Amino acid sequence: MTVPLNYRKPGDGRLDIAVSRRKADSPAKRQGVLLVNPGGPGGEGLALPTELAGEAIAGSFDLIGFDPRGVGRSTPLYCEAVEQSVPRPTRPTDAQFPAMAAAALQREQACQRAGGGMRPFVNTANTARDMDLIRAALGEKKINYLGFSYGTYLGAVYGSLFPGRLNRSVLDSSMHPDWLYYEQFKQQAVAARQNVEAWAGWVAERDNTYHLGNSLTRVMANLDAIGEQLAIKPVPSPGYPEDPKIDRNYFDAMLGYETVPRAVWALMAELVIEIRKAVGGTLSADAAKALAVLAERSIPPTVNGTYQAVTCETDWPTDPNVYYEQMRIFRERYPYGRGAAAAEPTECTFRSFTPQERITDLKRKGYPIGVVVQAEFDPATQYDGGPAMAAKLDDNLISVTDEGTHSLYGRNGCVTKKVDDYLINGVLPGSRATCAGPPRPDVPADGATARSTPQPDRSLEERAHELIENRKPNRRF
């Protein structure tokens, strides 16, 4: 379908929006359409109805996916490709700050050269308006909505702009309504620290197994000691000469990303032990292969210009010194995952276009109570975003305890059942409901009477493959 580039001046040009539809499996039980969005900003949504085809909602709703403006098979928004060799370490020195800011300026200039005329109109409000034209093209008076990650904010904006046209809505892994967008990025490093500490506490209870310390404080101190050694003597990865050496930056990032899924915790403890043994030498081939397998599931960097345009729809600090001060704090307190890079200047620091409108005032007035879902240790949209969004919209909240996964519908059985009951039957889960995350690895704590049967015949690489194969791929952040 085609939509205006600028809704205030429809004659200024038009964009194509690619839309997909998977009709309800049970026409007799059909309850209308359910628009779905995977997040991003910049996530392609055409295939999402197929991904959700095995869920109960596919029986009652036409599942509608779409590539938002600027993305995929819709009219694309480009940034010129720029090659940059500037490192983005988890613990940068003050001397590295200016180079990181200069790199962000270079990326912004590259985006402006390639898409300057279109960029001011690629924003959340216009994408919500595109959604309403999709609704009209389908001949529906109202839509139902399921959005993940950034898609939660998009759904909240749609409901605020078109309250009479939204029925049931589910916001899974919600952005914080007051963290648009710099604070949201910084909170990813805060969540990474929380996940590392949760894992370290679990490891401490099993010191007889892992010998990394018998308290959270001691495990964290040992991790810091390993990191300091790696900063001096990085460990090469045998058989993978093209891979970066395991230095402190690699170690910080690995801890932040790989402690998120609880199922990986036991393997992570063993890999940390292998890395500690390899300091000053070479990592074992088995450990190197396992790390390579885990790295394959990392989220790829954004290459489309939509992400940069949408995240710049709000005002960011323009003084690089503001970022430098935050980076000093984050390299000390929250060095895992992205670390201080989560607080670095971005293209938005040097934004070269003027947003065409103010961000939407979020409110729920005129459409039914919805559901917000949030994991306790969400690494991308930190937990506090869920309660804040639920409070902002007066929605019900489902909290998932001891869970670090981002996007839970279709992955967590308890969440899926509650969401299905709400979307299909209109039954709310309760103002504050809880679901449990998956069990932690079956490694007994020190002093426990039961002991698991060890499996020494399975390599670290084989266990890494098994863990990855048993997990559904992450949707876009």
Protein backbone atom coordinates (compact mmCIF):
# COMPACT_ATOMS: atom_id res chain seq x y z
CA MET A 1 0.00 0.00 0.00
CA THR A 2 1.07 3.64 -0.33
CA VAL A 3 1.10 6.23 2.44
CA PRO A 4 2.04 9.92 2.62
CA LEU A 5 5.65 10.75 3.39
CA ASN A 6 4.40 13.74 5.39
CA TYR A 7 0.89 13.41 6.80
CA ARG A 8 0.68 17.17 7.27
CA LYS A 9 1.43 17.72 3.58
CA PRO A 10 0.23 14.61 1.73
CA GLY A 11 1.21 16.10 -1.62
CA ASP A 12 4.92 16.11 -0.73
CA GLY A 13 5.45 12.49 -1.75
CA ARG A 14 4.44 8.95 -0.94
CA LEU A 15 6.04 5.79 0.43
CA ASP A 16 5.36 2.11 -0.12
CA ILE A 17 4.52 -0.04 2.92
CA ALA A 18 4.82 -3.80 2.51
CA VAL A 19 2.10 -5.72 4.36
CA SER A 20 1.59 -9.46 4.94
CA ARG A 21 -1.51 -11.31 6.08
CA ARG A 22 -1.98 -14.82 7.41
CA LYS A 23 -5.70 -15.52 7.60
CA ALA A 24 -7.18 -17.05 10.74
CA ASP A 25 -7.01 -20.84 10.83
CA SER A 26 -10.60 -21.05 12.09
CA PRO A 27 -12.84 -18.70 10.09
CA ALA A 28 -15.82 -19.50 12.32
CA LYS A 29 -13.86 -18.29 15.37
CA ARG A 30 -12.27 -15.29 13.67
CA GLN A 31 -12.23 -12.15 15.85
CA GLY A 32 -10.67 -9.68 13.44
CA VAL A 33 -7.05 -8.75 12.82
CA LEU A 34 -3.99 -8.75 15.06
CA LEU A 35 -1.21 -6.42 13.92
CA VAL A 36 2.23 -7.54 15.07
CA ASN A 37 5.54 -5.72 15.25
CA PRO A 38 8.94 -7.24 16.19
CA GLY A 39 10.62 -4.09 17.52
CA GLY A 40 13.80 -2.36 16.46
CA PRO A 41 13.35 0.43 15.64
CA GLY A 42 13.87 -0.96 12.17
CA GLY A 43 12.75 -4.55 12.65
CA GLU A 44 11.27 -6.16 9.54
CA GLY A 45 7.83 -7.55 10.35
CA LEU A 46 6.61 -9.27 7.18
CA ALA A 47 7.61 -12.75 8.38
CA LEU A 48 6.35 -12.38 11.95
CA PRO A 49 2.87 -13.82 11.19
CA THR A 50 4.59 -16.97 9.93
CA GLU A 51 6.73 -17.13 13.08
CA LEU A 52 3.56 -16.94 15.18
CA ALA A 53 1.60 -19.42 13.06
CA GLY A 54 1.97 -22.19 15.65
CA GLU A 55 0.43 -20.13 18.46
CA ALA A 56 -3.21 -20.25 19.52
CA ILE A 57 -3.80 -16.68 18.33
CA ALA A 58 -3.40 -17.88 14.73
CA GLY A 59 -6.75 -19.65 15.03
CA SER A 60 -8.75 -16.55 16.00
CA PHE A 61 -7.08 -13.67 14.19
CA ASP A 62 -5.78 -12.70 10.81
CA LEU A 63 -2.13 -12.04 11.67
CA ILE A 64 -0.93 -8.85 9.98
CA GLY A 65 2.76 -8.10 9.60
CA PHE A 66 4.42 -5.15 7.93
CA ASP A 67 7.81 -3.64 7.23
CA PRO A 68 7.66 -0.15 8.78
CA ARG A 69 8.53 2.88 6.67
CA GLY A 70 12.22 2.91 5.81
CA VAL A 71 12.65 -0.84 6.32
CA GLY A 72 12.90 -4.00 4.24
CA ARG A 73 10.46 -4.20 1.33
CA SER A 74 8.88 -0.87 2.26
CA THR A 75 10.47 2.28 0.86
CA PRO A 76 13.98 2.04 2.37
CA LEU A 77 15.90 4.70 4.24
CA TYR A 78 19.64 4.41 3.75
CA CYS A 79 22.81 5.63 5.42
CA GLU A 80 26.03 5.75 3.46
CA ALA A 81 28.34 2.97 4.57
CA VAL A 82 31.38 4.23 6.44
CA GLU A 83 34.38 2.19 7.49
CA GLN A 84 35.45 2.93 11.03
CA SER A 85 38.33 1.44 12.96
CA VAL A 86 37.63 3.33 16.17
CA PRO A 87 37.23 0.82 19.04
CA ARG A 88 34.14 0.93 21.24
CA PRO A 89 35.48 -0.69 24.40
CA THR A 90 33.48 -1.52 27.48
CA ARG A 91 35.90 0.48 29.65
CA PRO A 92 37.27 3.28 27.45
CA THR A 93 39.90 5.67 28.71
CA ASP A 94 39.29 9.40 28.77
CA ALA A 95 41.71 9.69 25.87
CA GLN A 96 39.42 7.49 23.73
CA PHE A 97 36.29 9.59 24.28
CA PRO A 98 36.86 12.21 21.54
CA ALA A 99 37.50 9.55 18.89
CA MET A 100 34.23 7.81 19.78
CA ALA A 101 32.36 11.11 19.50
CA ALA A 102 34.03 11.88 16.16
CA ALA A 103 32.97 8.47 14.86
CA ALA A 104 29.35 9.17 15.83
CA LEU A 105 29.49 12.50 13.99
CA GLN A 106 30.88 10.75 10.92
CA ARG A 107 28.01 8.23 10.97
CA GLU A 108 25.43 11.00 11.33
CA GLN A 109 26.86 12.88 8.37
CA ALA A 110 26.77 9.67 6.33
CA CYS A 111 23.10 9.16 7.20
CA GLN A 112 22.24 12.74 6.34
CA ARG A 113 23.93 12.54 2.94
CA ALA A 114 21.98 9.43 1.96
CA GLY A 115 18.57 10.12 3.44
CA GLY A 116 18.29 13.71 4.54
CA GLY A 117 14.98 14.42 2.82
CA MET A 118 13.23 11.35 4.20
CA ARG A 119 14.71 11.11 7.69
CA PRO A 120 12.52 13.71 9.47
CA PHE A 121 9.40 11.72 8.54
CA VAL A 122 10.58 8.29 9.66
CA ASN A 123 9.32 8.37 13.23
CA THR A 124 7.03 6.50 15.58
CA ALA A 125 3.95 8.70 15.12
CA ASN A 126 4.04 8.36 11.33
CA THR A 127 4.50 4.60 11.60
CA ALA A 128 1.42 4.52 13.85
CA ARG A 129 -0.46 6.52 11.20
CA ASP A 130 0.67 3.99 8.61
CA MET A 131 -0.78 1.26 10.84
CA ASP A 132 -4.13 3.04 10.82
CA LEU A 133 -4.12 3.12 7.03
CA ILE A 134 -3.40 -0.62 7.06
CA ARG A 135 -6.47 -1.01 9.29
CA ALA A 136 -8.57 1.00 6.85
CA ALA A 137 -7.25 -0.92 3.82
CA LEU A 138 -8.28 -4.18 5.54
CA GLY A 139 -11.77 -2.82 6.10
CA GLU A 140 -11.55 -3.21 9.88
CA LYS A 141 -13.11 -0.80 12.37
CA LYS A 142 -10.55 -1.77 15.02
CA ILE A 143 -7.30 -3.67 15.31
CA ASN A 144 -5.80 -5.83 18.02
CA TYR A 145 -2.08 -5.45 18.59
CA LEU A 146 0.95 -7.47 19.75
CA GLY A 147 4.25 -5.61 19.86
CA PHE A 148 7.69 -6.61 21.11
CA SER A 149 10.46 -4.33 22.44
CA TYR A 150 10.34 -1.00 20.55
CA GLY A 151 7.03 -2.31 19.21
CA THR A 152 5.62 -1.72 22.70
CA TYR A 153 6.22 2.01 22.38
CA LEU A 154 4.79 1.94 18.86
CA GLY A 155 1.63 0.26 20.18
CA ALA A 156 1.30 2.80 22.98
CA VAL A 157 1.61 5.64 20.48
CA TYR A 158 -1.01 4.07 18.20
CA GLY A 159 -3.44 3.78 21.11
CA SER A 160 -2.78 7.38 22.10
CA LEU A 161 -3.38 8.69 18.57
CA PHE A 162 -6.25 6.37 17.60
CA PRO A 163 -7.91 5.18 20.84
CA GLY A 164 -11.24 4.43 19.17
CA ARG A 165 -9.58 2.06 16.70
CA LEU A 166 -7.65 -0.16 19.12
CA ASN A 167 -9.20 -3.14 20.86
CA ARG A 168 -6.93 -5.53 22.79
CA SER A 169 -3.23 -4.81 23.04
CA VAL A 170 -0.21 -6.66 24.39
CA LEU A 171 3.13 -4.92 24.95
CA ASP A 172 5.83 -7.57 25.39
CA SER A 173 9.20 -6.46 26.85
CA SER A 174 8.27 -2.82 27.15
CA MET A 175 10.34 0.27 26.69
CA HIS A 176 10.17 2.73 29.57
CA PRO A 177 7.87 5.62 28.55
CA ASP A 178 10.25 8.17 30.09
CA TRP A 179 13.53 6.76 28.71
CA LEU A 180 13.41 7.89 25.09
CA TYR A 181 16.10 7.03 24.05
CA TYR A 182 19.49 7.75 25.63
CA GLU A 183 18.45 6.52 29.07
CA GLN A 184 17.02 3.37 27.49
CA PHE A 185 20.40 2.60 25.93
CA LYS A 186 22.24 3.19 29.19
CA GLN A 187 19.90 0.89 31.06
CA GLN A 188 21.01 -1.99 28.84
CA ALA A 189 24.37 -1.86 30.59
CA VAL A 190 22.62 -1.69 33.96
CA ALA A 191 20.65 -4.83 33.06
CA ALA A 192 23.86 -6.54 31.93
CA ARG A 193 25.39 -5.90 35.36
CA GLN A 194 22.28 -7.29 37.05
CA ASN A 195 22.50 -10.49 34.98
CA VAL A 196 26.20 -10.92 35.72
CA GLU A 197 25.60 -10.50 39.44
CA ALA A 198 22.70 -12.97 39.39
CA TRP A 199 24.95 -15.51 37.67
CA ALA A 200 27.85 -14.76 40.02
CA GLY A 201 25.59 -15.36 43.03
CA TRP A 202 24.59 -18.74 41.59
CA VAL A 203 28.26 -19.61 40.96
CA ALA A 204 29.16 -18.63 44.53
CA GLU A 205 26.70 -21.19 45.88
CA ARG A 206 28.63 -23.84 43.91
CA ASP A 207 32.20 -22.96 44.85
CA ASN A 208 33.03 -26.62 45.41
CA THR A 209 32.25 -27.15 41.71
CA TYR A 210 33.67 -24.02 40.07
CA HIS A 211 36.17 -22.59 42.58
CA LEU A 212 35.47 -19.00 41.53
CA GLY A 213 34.62 -17.75 45.03
CA ASN A 214 32.11 -18.61 47.74
CA SER A 215 30.32 -15.25 47.82
CA LEU A 216 29.01 -12.80 45.26
CA THR A 217 31.72 -10.31 46.28
CA ARG A 218 34.51 -12.84 45.83
CA VAL A 219 33.25 -14.10 42.47
CA MET A 220 33.00 -10.53 41.17
CA ALA A 221 36.49 -9.80 42.49
CA ASN A 222 37.85 -12.88 40.72
CA LEU A 223 36.16 -11.80 37.47
CA ASP A 224 37.82 -8.40 37.80
CA ALA A 225 41.17 -10.07 38.42
CA ILE A 226 40.79 -12.23 35.31
CA GLY A 227 39.82 -9.14 33.31
CA GLU A 228 42.87 -7.24 34.53
CA GLN A 229 45.12 -10.13 33.48
CA LEU A 230 43.46 -10.25 30.05
CA ALA A 231 44.04 -6.52 29.65
CA ILE A 232 47.77 -7.19 29.97
CA LYS A 233 47.96 -10.56 28.22
CA PRO A 234 45.06 -11.21 25.82
CA VAL A 235 44.41 -14.88 25.06
CA PRO A 236 44.51 -15.95 21.39
CA SER A 237 41.80 -18.31 20.15
CA PRO A 238 43.30 -21.42 18.50
CA GLY A 239 41.96 -22.26 15.07
CA TYR A 240 40.24 -18.87 14.78
CA PRO A 241 43.02 -16.45 13.75
CA GLU A 242 40.47 -14.04 12.28
CA ASP A 243 38.71 -13.68 15.65
CA PRO A 244 39.77 -10.96 18.08
CA LYS A 245 41.88 -12.08 20.98
CA ILE A 246 40.12 -12.58 24.30
CA ASP A 247 41.03 -9.35 26.06
CA ARG A 248 39.22 -7.53 28.85
CA ASN A 249 36.79 -5.93 26.43
CA TYR A 250 35.85 -9.33 24.98
CA PHE A 251 35.53 -10.78 28.50
CA ASP A 252 33.24 -7.94 29.69
CA ALA A 253 31.01 -8.29 26.64
CA MET A 254 30.88 -12.08 26.93
CA LEU A 255 29.83 -11.94 30.58
CA GLY A 256 27.16 -9.34 29.88
CA TYR A 257 25.57 -11.12 26.93
CA GLU A 258 26.02 -14.79 27.80
CA THR A 259 24.73 -14.68 31.38
CA VAL A 260 21.31 -13.57 30.13
CA PRO A 261 19.81 -17.04 29.38
CA ARG A 262 19.84 -19.10 32.58
CA ALA A 263 20.35 -22.35 30.67
CA VAL A 264 23.87 -21.17 29.70
CA TRP A 265 25.01 -20.47 33.26
CA ALA A 266 26.83 -23.76 33.90
CA LEU A 267 28.58 -23.63 30.54
CA MET A 268 29.56 -20.00 31.16
CA ALA A 269 31.17 -20.89 34.49
CA GLU A 270 33.25 -23.57 32.81
CA LEU A 271 34.27 -21.22 29.99
CA VAL A 272 35.39 -18.60 32.51
CA ILE A 273 37.51 -21.28 34.18
CA GLU A 274 39.01 -22.21 30.80
CA ILE A 275 39.81 -18.55 30.05
CA ARG A 276 41.43 -18.12 33.48
CA LYS A 277 43.64 -21.15 32.86
CA ALA A 278 44.59 -19.82 29.42
CA VAL A 279 45.89 -16.42 30.60
CA GLY A 280 49.46 -16.17 29.43
CA GLY A 281 48.96 -19.09 27.04
CA THR A 282 46.34 -20.36 24.61
CA LEU A 283 42.68 -21.23 25.05
CA SER A 284 41.74 -24.87 24.58
CA ALA A 285 40.30 -25.74 21.16
CA ASP A 286 37.07 -27.01 22.72
CA ALA A 287 36.48 -23.77 24.66
CA ALA A 288 37.29 -21.69 21.58
CA LYS A 289 34.73 -23.62 19.52
CA ALA A 290 32.09 -23.24 22.24
CA LEU A 291 32.64 -19.47 22.37
CA ALA A 292 32.35 -19.30 18.59
CA VAL A 293 29.01 -21.14 18.73
CA LEU A 294 27.63 -18.79 21.38
CA ALA A 295 28.79 -15.76 19.40
CA GLU A 296 26.76 -16.87 16.39
CA ARG A 297 23.52 -15.93 18.15
CA SER A 298 24.56 -12.33 18.82
CA ILE A 299 22.25 -9.61 17.52
CA PRO A 300 23.64 -8.21 14.25
CA PRO A 301 24.36 -4.48 14.16
CA THR A 302 21.81 -2.24 12.53
CA VAL A 303 22.73 -1.32 8.96
CA ASN A 304 19.50 0.38 7.87
CA GLY A 305 19.03 4.11 8.49
CA THR A 306 15.64 3.70 10.18
CA TYR A 307 17.12 2.91 13.59
CA GLN A 308 19.12 6.13 13.60
CA ALA A 309 16.21 8.24 12.37
CA VAL A 310 13.65 6.95 14.87
CA THR A 311 15.91 7.05 17.92
CA CYS A 312 16.70 10.67 17.03
CA GLU A 313 13.02 11.70 17.17
CA THR A 314 13.67 12.93 20.73
CA ASP A 315 16.26 15.49 21.80
CA TRP A 316 19.60 14.16 23.01
CA PRO A 317 22.31 16.07 24.89
CA THR A 318 24.44 17.93 22.36
CA ASP A 319 27.47 18.50 24.59
CA PRO A 320 29.92 15.55 24.28
CA ASN A 321 31.09 16.22 27.84
CA VAL A 322 27.71 15.02 29.12
CA TYR A 323 28.40 11.63 27.54
CA TYR A 324 31.99 11.56 28.72
CA GLU A 325 30.87 11.97 32.33
CA GLN A 326 28.33 9.17 31.96
CA MET A 327 30.94 6.92 30.33
CA ARG A 328 33.27 7.43 33.30
CA ILE A 329 30.48 6.22 35.60
CA PHE A 330 29.52 3.27 33.42
CA ARG A 331 33.04 1.92 32.91
CA GLU A 332 33.28 1.58 36.70
CA ARG A 333 29.79 0.46 37.63
CA TYR A 334 28.33 -1.23 34.54
CA PRO A 335 31.19 -2.53 32.38
CA TYR A 336 29.51 -5.71 31.12
CA GLY A 337 27.76 -6.29 27.79
CA ARG A 338 28.11 -2.97 25.97
CA GLY A 339 29.57 -1.39 29.09
CA ALA A 340 30.43 2.28 28.79
CA ALA A 341 29.62 2.12 25.06
CA ALA A 342 25.96 2.12 26.13
CA ALA A 343 26.49 5.70 27.31
CA GLU A 344 28.57 6.93 24.35
CA PRO A 345 27.59 9.69 21.91
CA THR A 346 25.53 8.47 18.95
CA GLU A 347 24.34 9.95 15.67
CA CYS A 348 21.58 11.65 17.69
CA THR A 349 24.15 13.72 19.58
CA PHE A 350 24.91 15.46 16.29
CA ARG A 351 21.42 15.23 14.73
CA SER A 352 21.37 17.10 11.46
CA PHE A 353 17.60 17.26 10.96
CA THR A 354 14.74 18.81 12.88
CA PRO A 355 11.92 16.46 14.01
CA GLN A 356 8.62 17.42 12.42
CA GLU A 357 6.60 17.03 15.61
CA ARG A 358 6.90 16.50 19.33
CA ILE A 359 6.75 12.96 20.66
CA THR A 360 3.29 11.66 21.45
CA ASP A 361 1.88 12.10 24.94
CA LEU A 362 1.13 8.51 25.93
CA LYS A 363 -2.26 7.80 27.48
CA ARG A 364 -4.97 5.17 27.44
CA LYS A 365 -8.31 6.84 27.06
CA GLY A 366 -10.93 5.22 24.88
CA TYR A 367 -9.63 1.69 24.41
CA PRO A 368 -9.69 -1.40 26.66
CA ILE A 369 -7.19 -2.28 29.36
CA GLY A 370 -4.15 -3.95 27.82
CA VAL A 371 -1.37 -6.22 29.03
CA VAL A 372 2.34 -5.44 29.53
CA VAL A 373 4.84 -8.31 29.84
CA GLN A 374 8.31 -7.86 31.35
CA ALA A 375 11.18 -10.13 32.40
CA GLU A 376 13.01 -9.42 35.66
CA PHE A 377 16.44 -9.38 33.99
CA ASP A 378 15.55 -8.23 30.47
CA PRO A 379 18.88 -7.25 28.84
CA ALA A 380 17.42 -4.91 26.21
CA THR A 381 14.45 -3.18 27.83
CA GLN A 382 15.32 -3.16 31.51
CA TYR A 383 12.63 -4.45 33.89
CA ASP A 384 11.59 -1.04 35.24
CA GLY A 385 10.19 -0.19 31.81
CA GLY A 386 7.37 -2.72 32.23
CA PRO A 387 5.88 -1.41 35.48
CA ALA A 388 6.34 2.17 34.26
CA MET A 389 4.48 1.52 30.99
CA ALA A 390 1.74 -0.41 32.79
CA ALA A 391 1.31 2.49 35.22
CA LYS A 392 1.34 5.07 32.42
CA LEU A 393 -1.44 3.27 30.52
CA ASP A 394 -3.18 1.75 33.57
CA ASP A 395 -2.61 -1.69 32.01
CA ASN A 396 -2.21 -5.10 33.64
CA LEU A 397 1.38 -6.28 34.17
CA ILE A 398 2.80 -9.80 33.86
CA SER A 399 6.26 -10.02 35.46
CA VAL A 400 8.49 -13.01 34.73
CA THR A 401 10.80 -13.81 37.64
CA ASP A 402 14.43 -14.88 37.25
CA GLU A 403 14.33 -14.56 33.47
CA GLY A 404 16.78 -12.75 31.23
CA THR A 405 15.05 -13.33 27.90
CA HIS A 406 13.81 -10.45 25.78
CA SER A 407 10.40 -11.06 24.14
CA LEU A 408 8.48 -13.75 26.01
CA TYR A 409 5.28 -14.57 24.14
CA GLY A 410 5.69 -17.95 22.46
CA ARG A 411 8.72 -18.76 24.63
CA ASN A 412 7.44 -18.80 28.18
CA GLY A 413 4.48 -21.18 28.58
CA CYS A 414 2.89 -19.27 31.45
CA VAL A 415 3.10 -15.93 29.63
CA THR A 416 1.82 -17.45 26.40
CA LYS A 417 -1.21 -18.96 28.13
CA LYS A 418 -2.13 -15.71 29.88
CA VAL A 419 -1.70 -13.65 26.71
CA ASP A 420 -3.72 -16.13 24.65
CA ASP A 421 -6.51 -16.04 27.23
CA TYR A 422 -6.54 -12.26 27.07
CA LEU A 423 -6.35 -11.85 23.29
CA ILE A 424 -8.73 -14.70 22.44
CA ASN A 425 -11.16 -14.66 25.37
CA GLY A 426 -10.75 -11.15 26.77
CA VAL A 427 -9.72 -12.49 30.18
CA LEU A 428 -7.25 -10.16 31.89
CA PRO A 429 -4.40 -11.79 33.86
CA GLY A 430 -4.88 -9.53 36.89
CA SER A 431 -3.42 -6.14 37.66
CA ARG A 432 -0.13 -7.72 38.78
CA ALA A 433 0.50 -11.29 37.67
CA THR A 434 3.72 -13.30 37.78
CA CYS A 435 5.19 -16.16 35.80
CA ALA A 436 8.37 -18.09 36.52
CA GLY A 437 11.33 -18.15 34.20
CA PRO A 438 12.91 -21.44 33.08
CA PRO A 439 14.84 -23.50 35.64
CA ARG A 440 18.50 -22.77 36.23
CA PRO A 441 21.08 -25.46 35.32
CA ASP A 442 20.90 -28.64 37.37
CA VAL A 443 24.15 -28.11 39.24
CA PRO A 444 23.69 -28.71 42.99
CA ALA A 445 24.70 -25.97 45.41
CA ASP A 446 27.45 -26.62 47.92
CA GLY A 447 26.13 -28.80 50.73
CA ALA A 448 23.23 -30.24 48.73
CA THR A 449 22.68 -33.97 49.22
CA ALA A 450 21.61 -34.74 45.65
CA ARG A 451 24.28 -34.76 42.98
CA SER A 452 23.77 -34.62 39.25
CA THR A 453 25.46 -37.24 37.12
CA PRO A 454 28.40 -35.58 35.33
CA GLN A 455 28.62 -35.96 31.57
CA PRO A 456 32.35 -35.68 30.76
CA ASP A 457 31.84 -37.27 27.35
CA ARG A 458 30.12 -34.13 26.03
CA SER A 459 32.42 -31.36 24.90
CA LEU A 460 31.89 -27.67 25.61
CA GLU A 461 31.22 -27.15 21.90
CA GLU A 462 28.53 -29.85 21.82
CA ARG A 463 26.81 -28.37 24.86
CA ALA A 464 26.92 -24.89 23.33
CA HIS A 465 25.27 -26.22 20.13
CA GLU A 466 22.58 -27.96 22.18
CA LEU A 467 21.76 -24.81 24.12
CA ILE A 468 21.52 -22.68 21.00
CA GLU A 469 19.38 -25.19 19.12
CA ASN A 470 16.90 -25.31 22.00
CA ARG A 471 16.38 -21.56 21.97
CA LYS A 472 14.16 -19.60 19.62
CA PRO A 473 15.98 -16.74 17.88
CA ASN A 474 15.82 -13.35 19.54
CA ARG A 475 13.55 -10.78 17.98
CA ARG A 476 15.04 -7.40 17.25
CA PHE A 477 15.64 -5.02 20.17
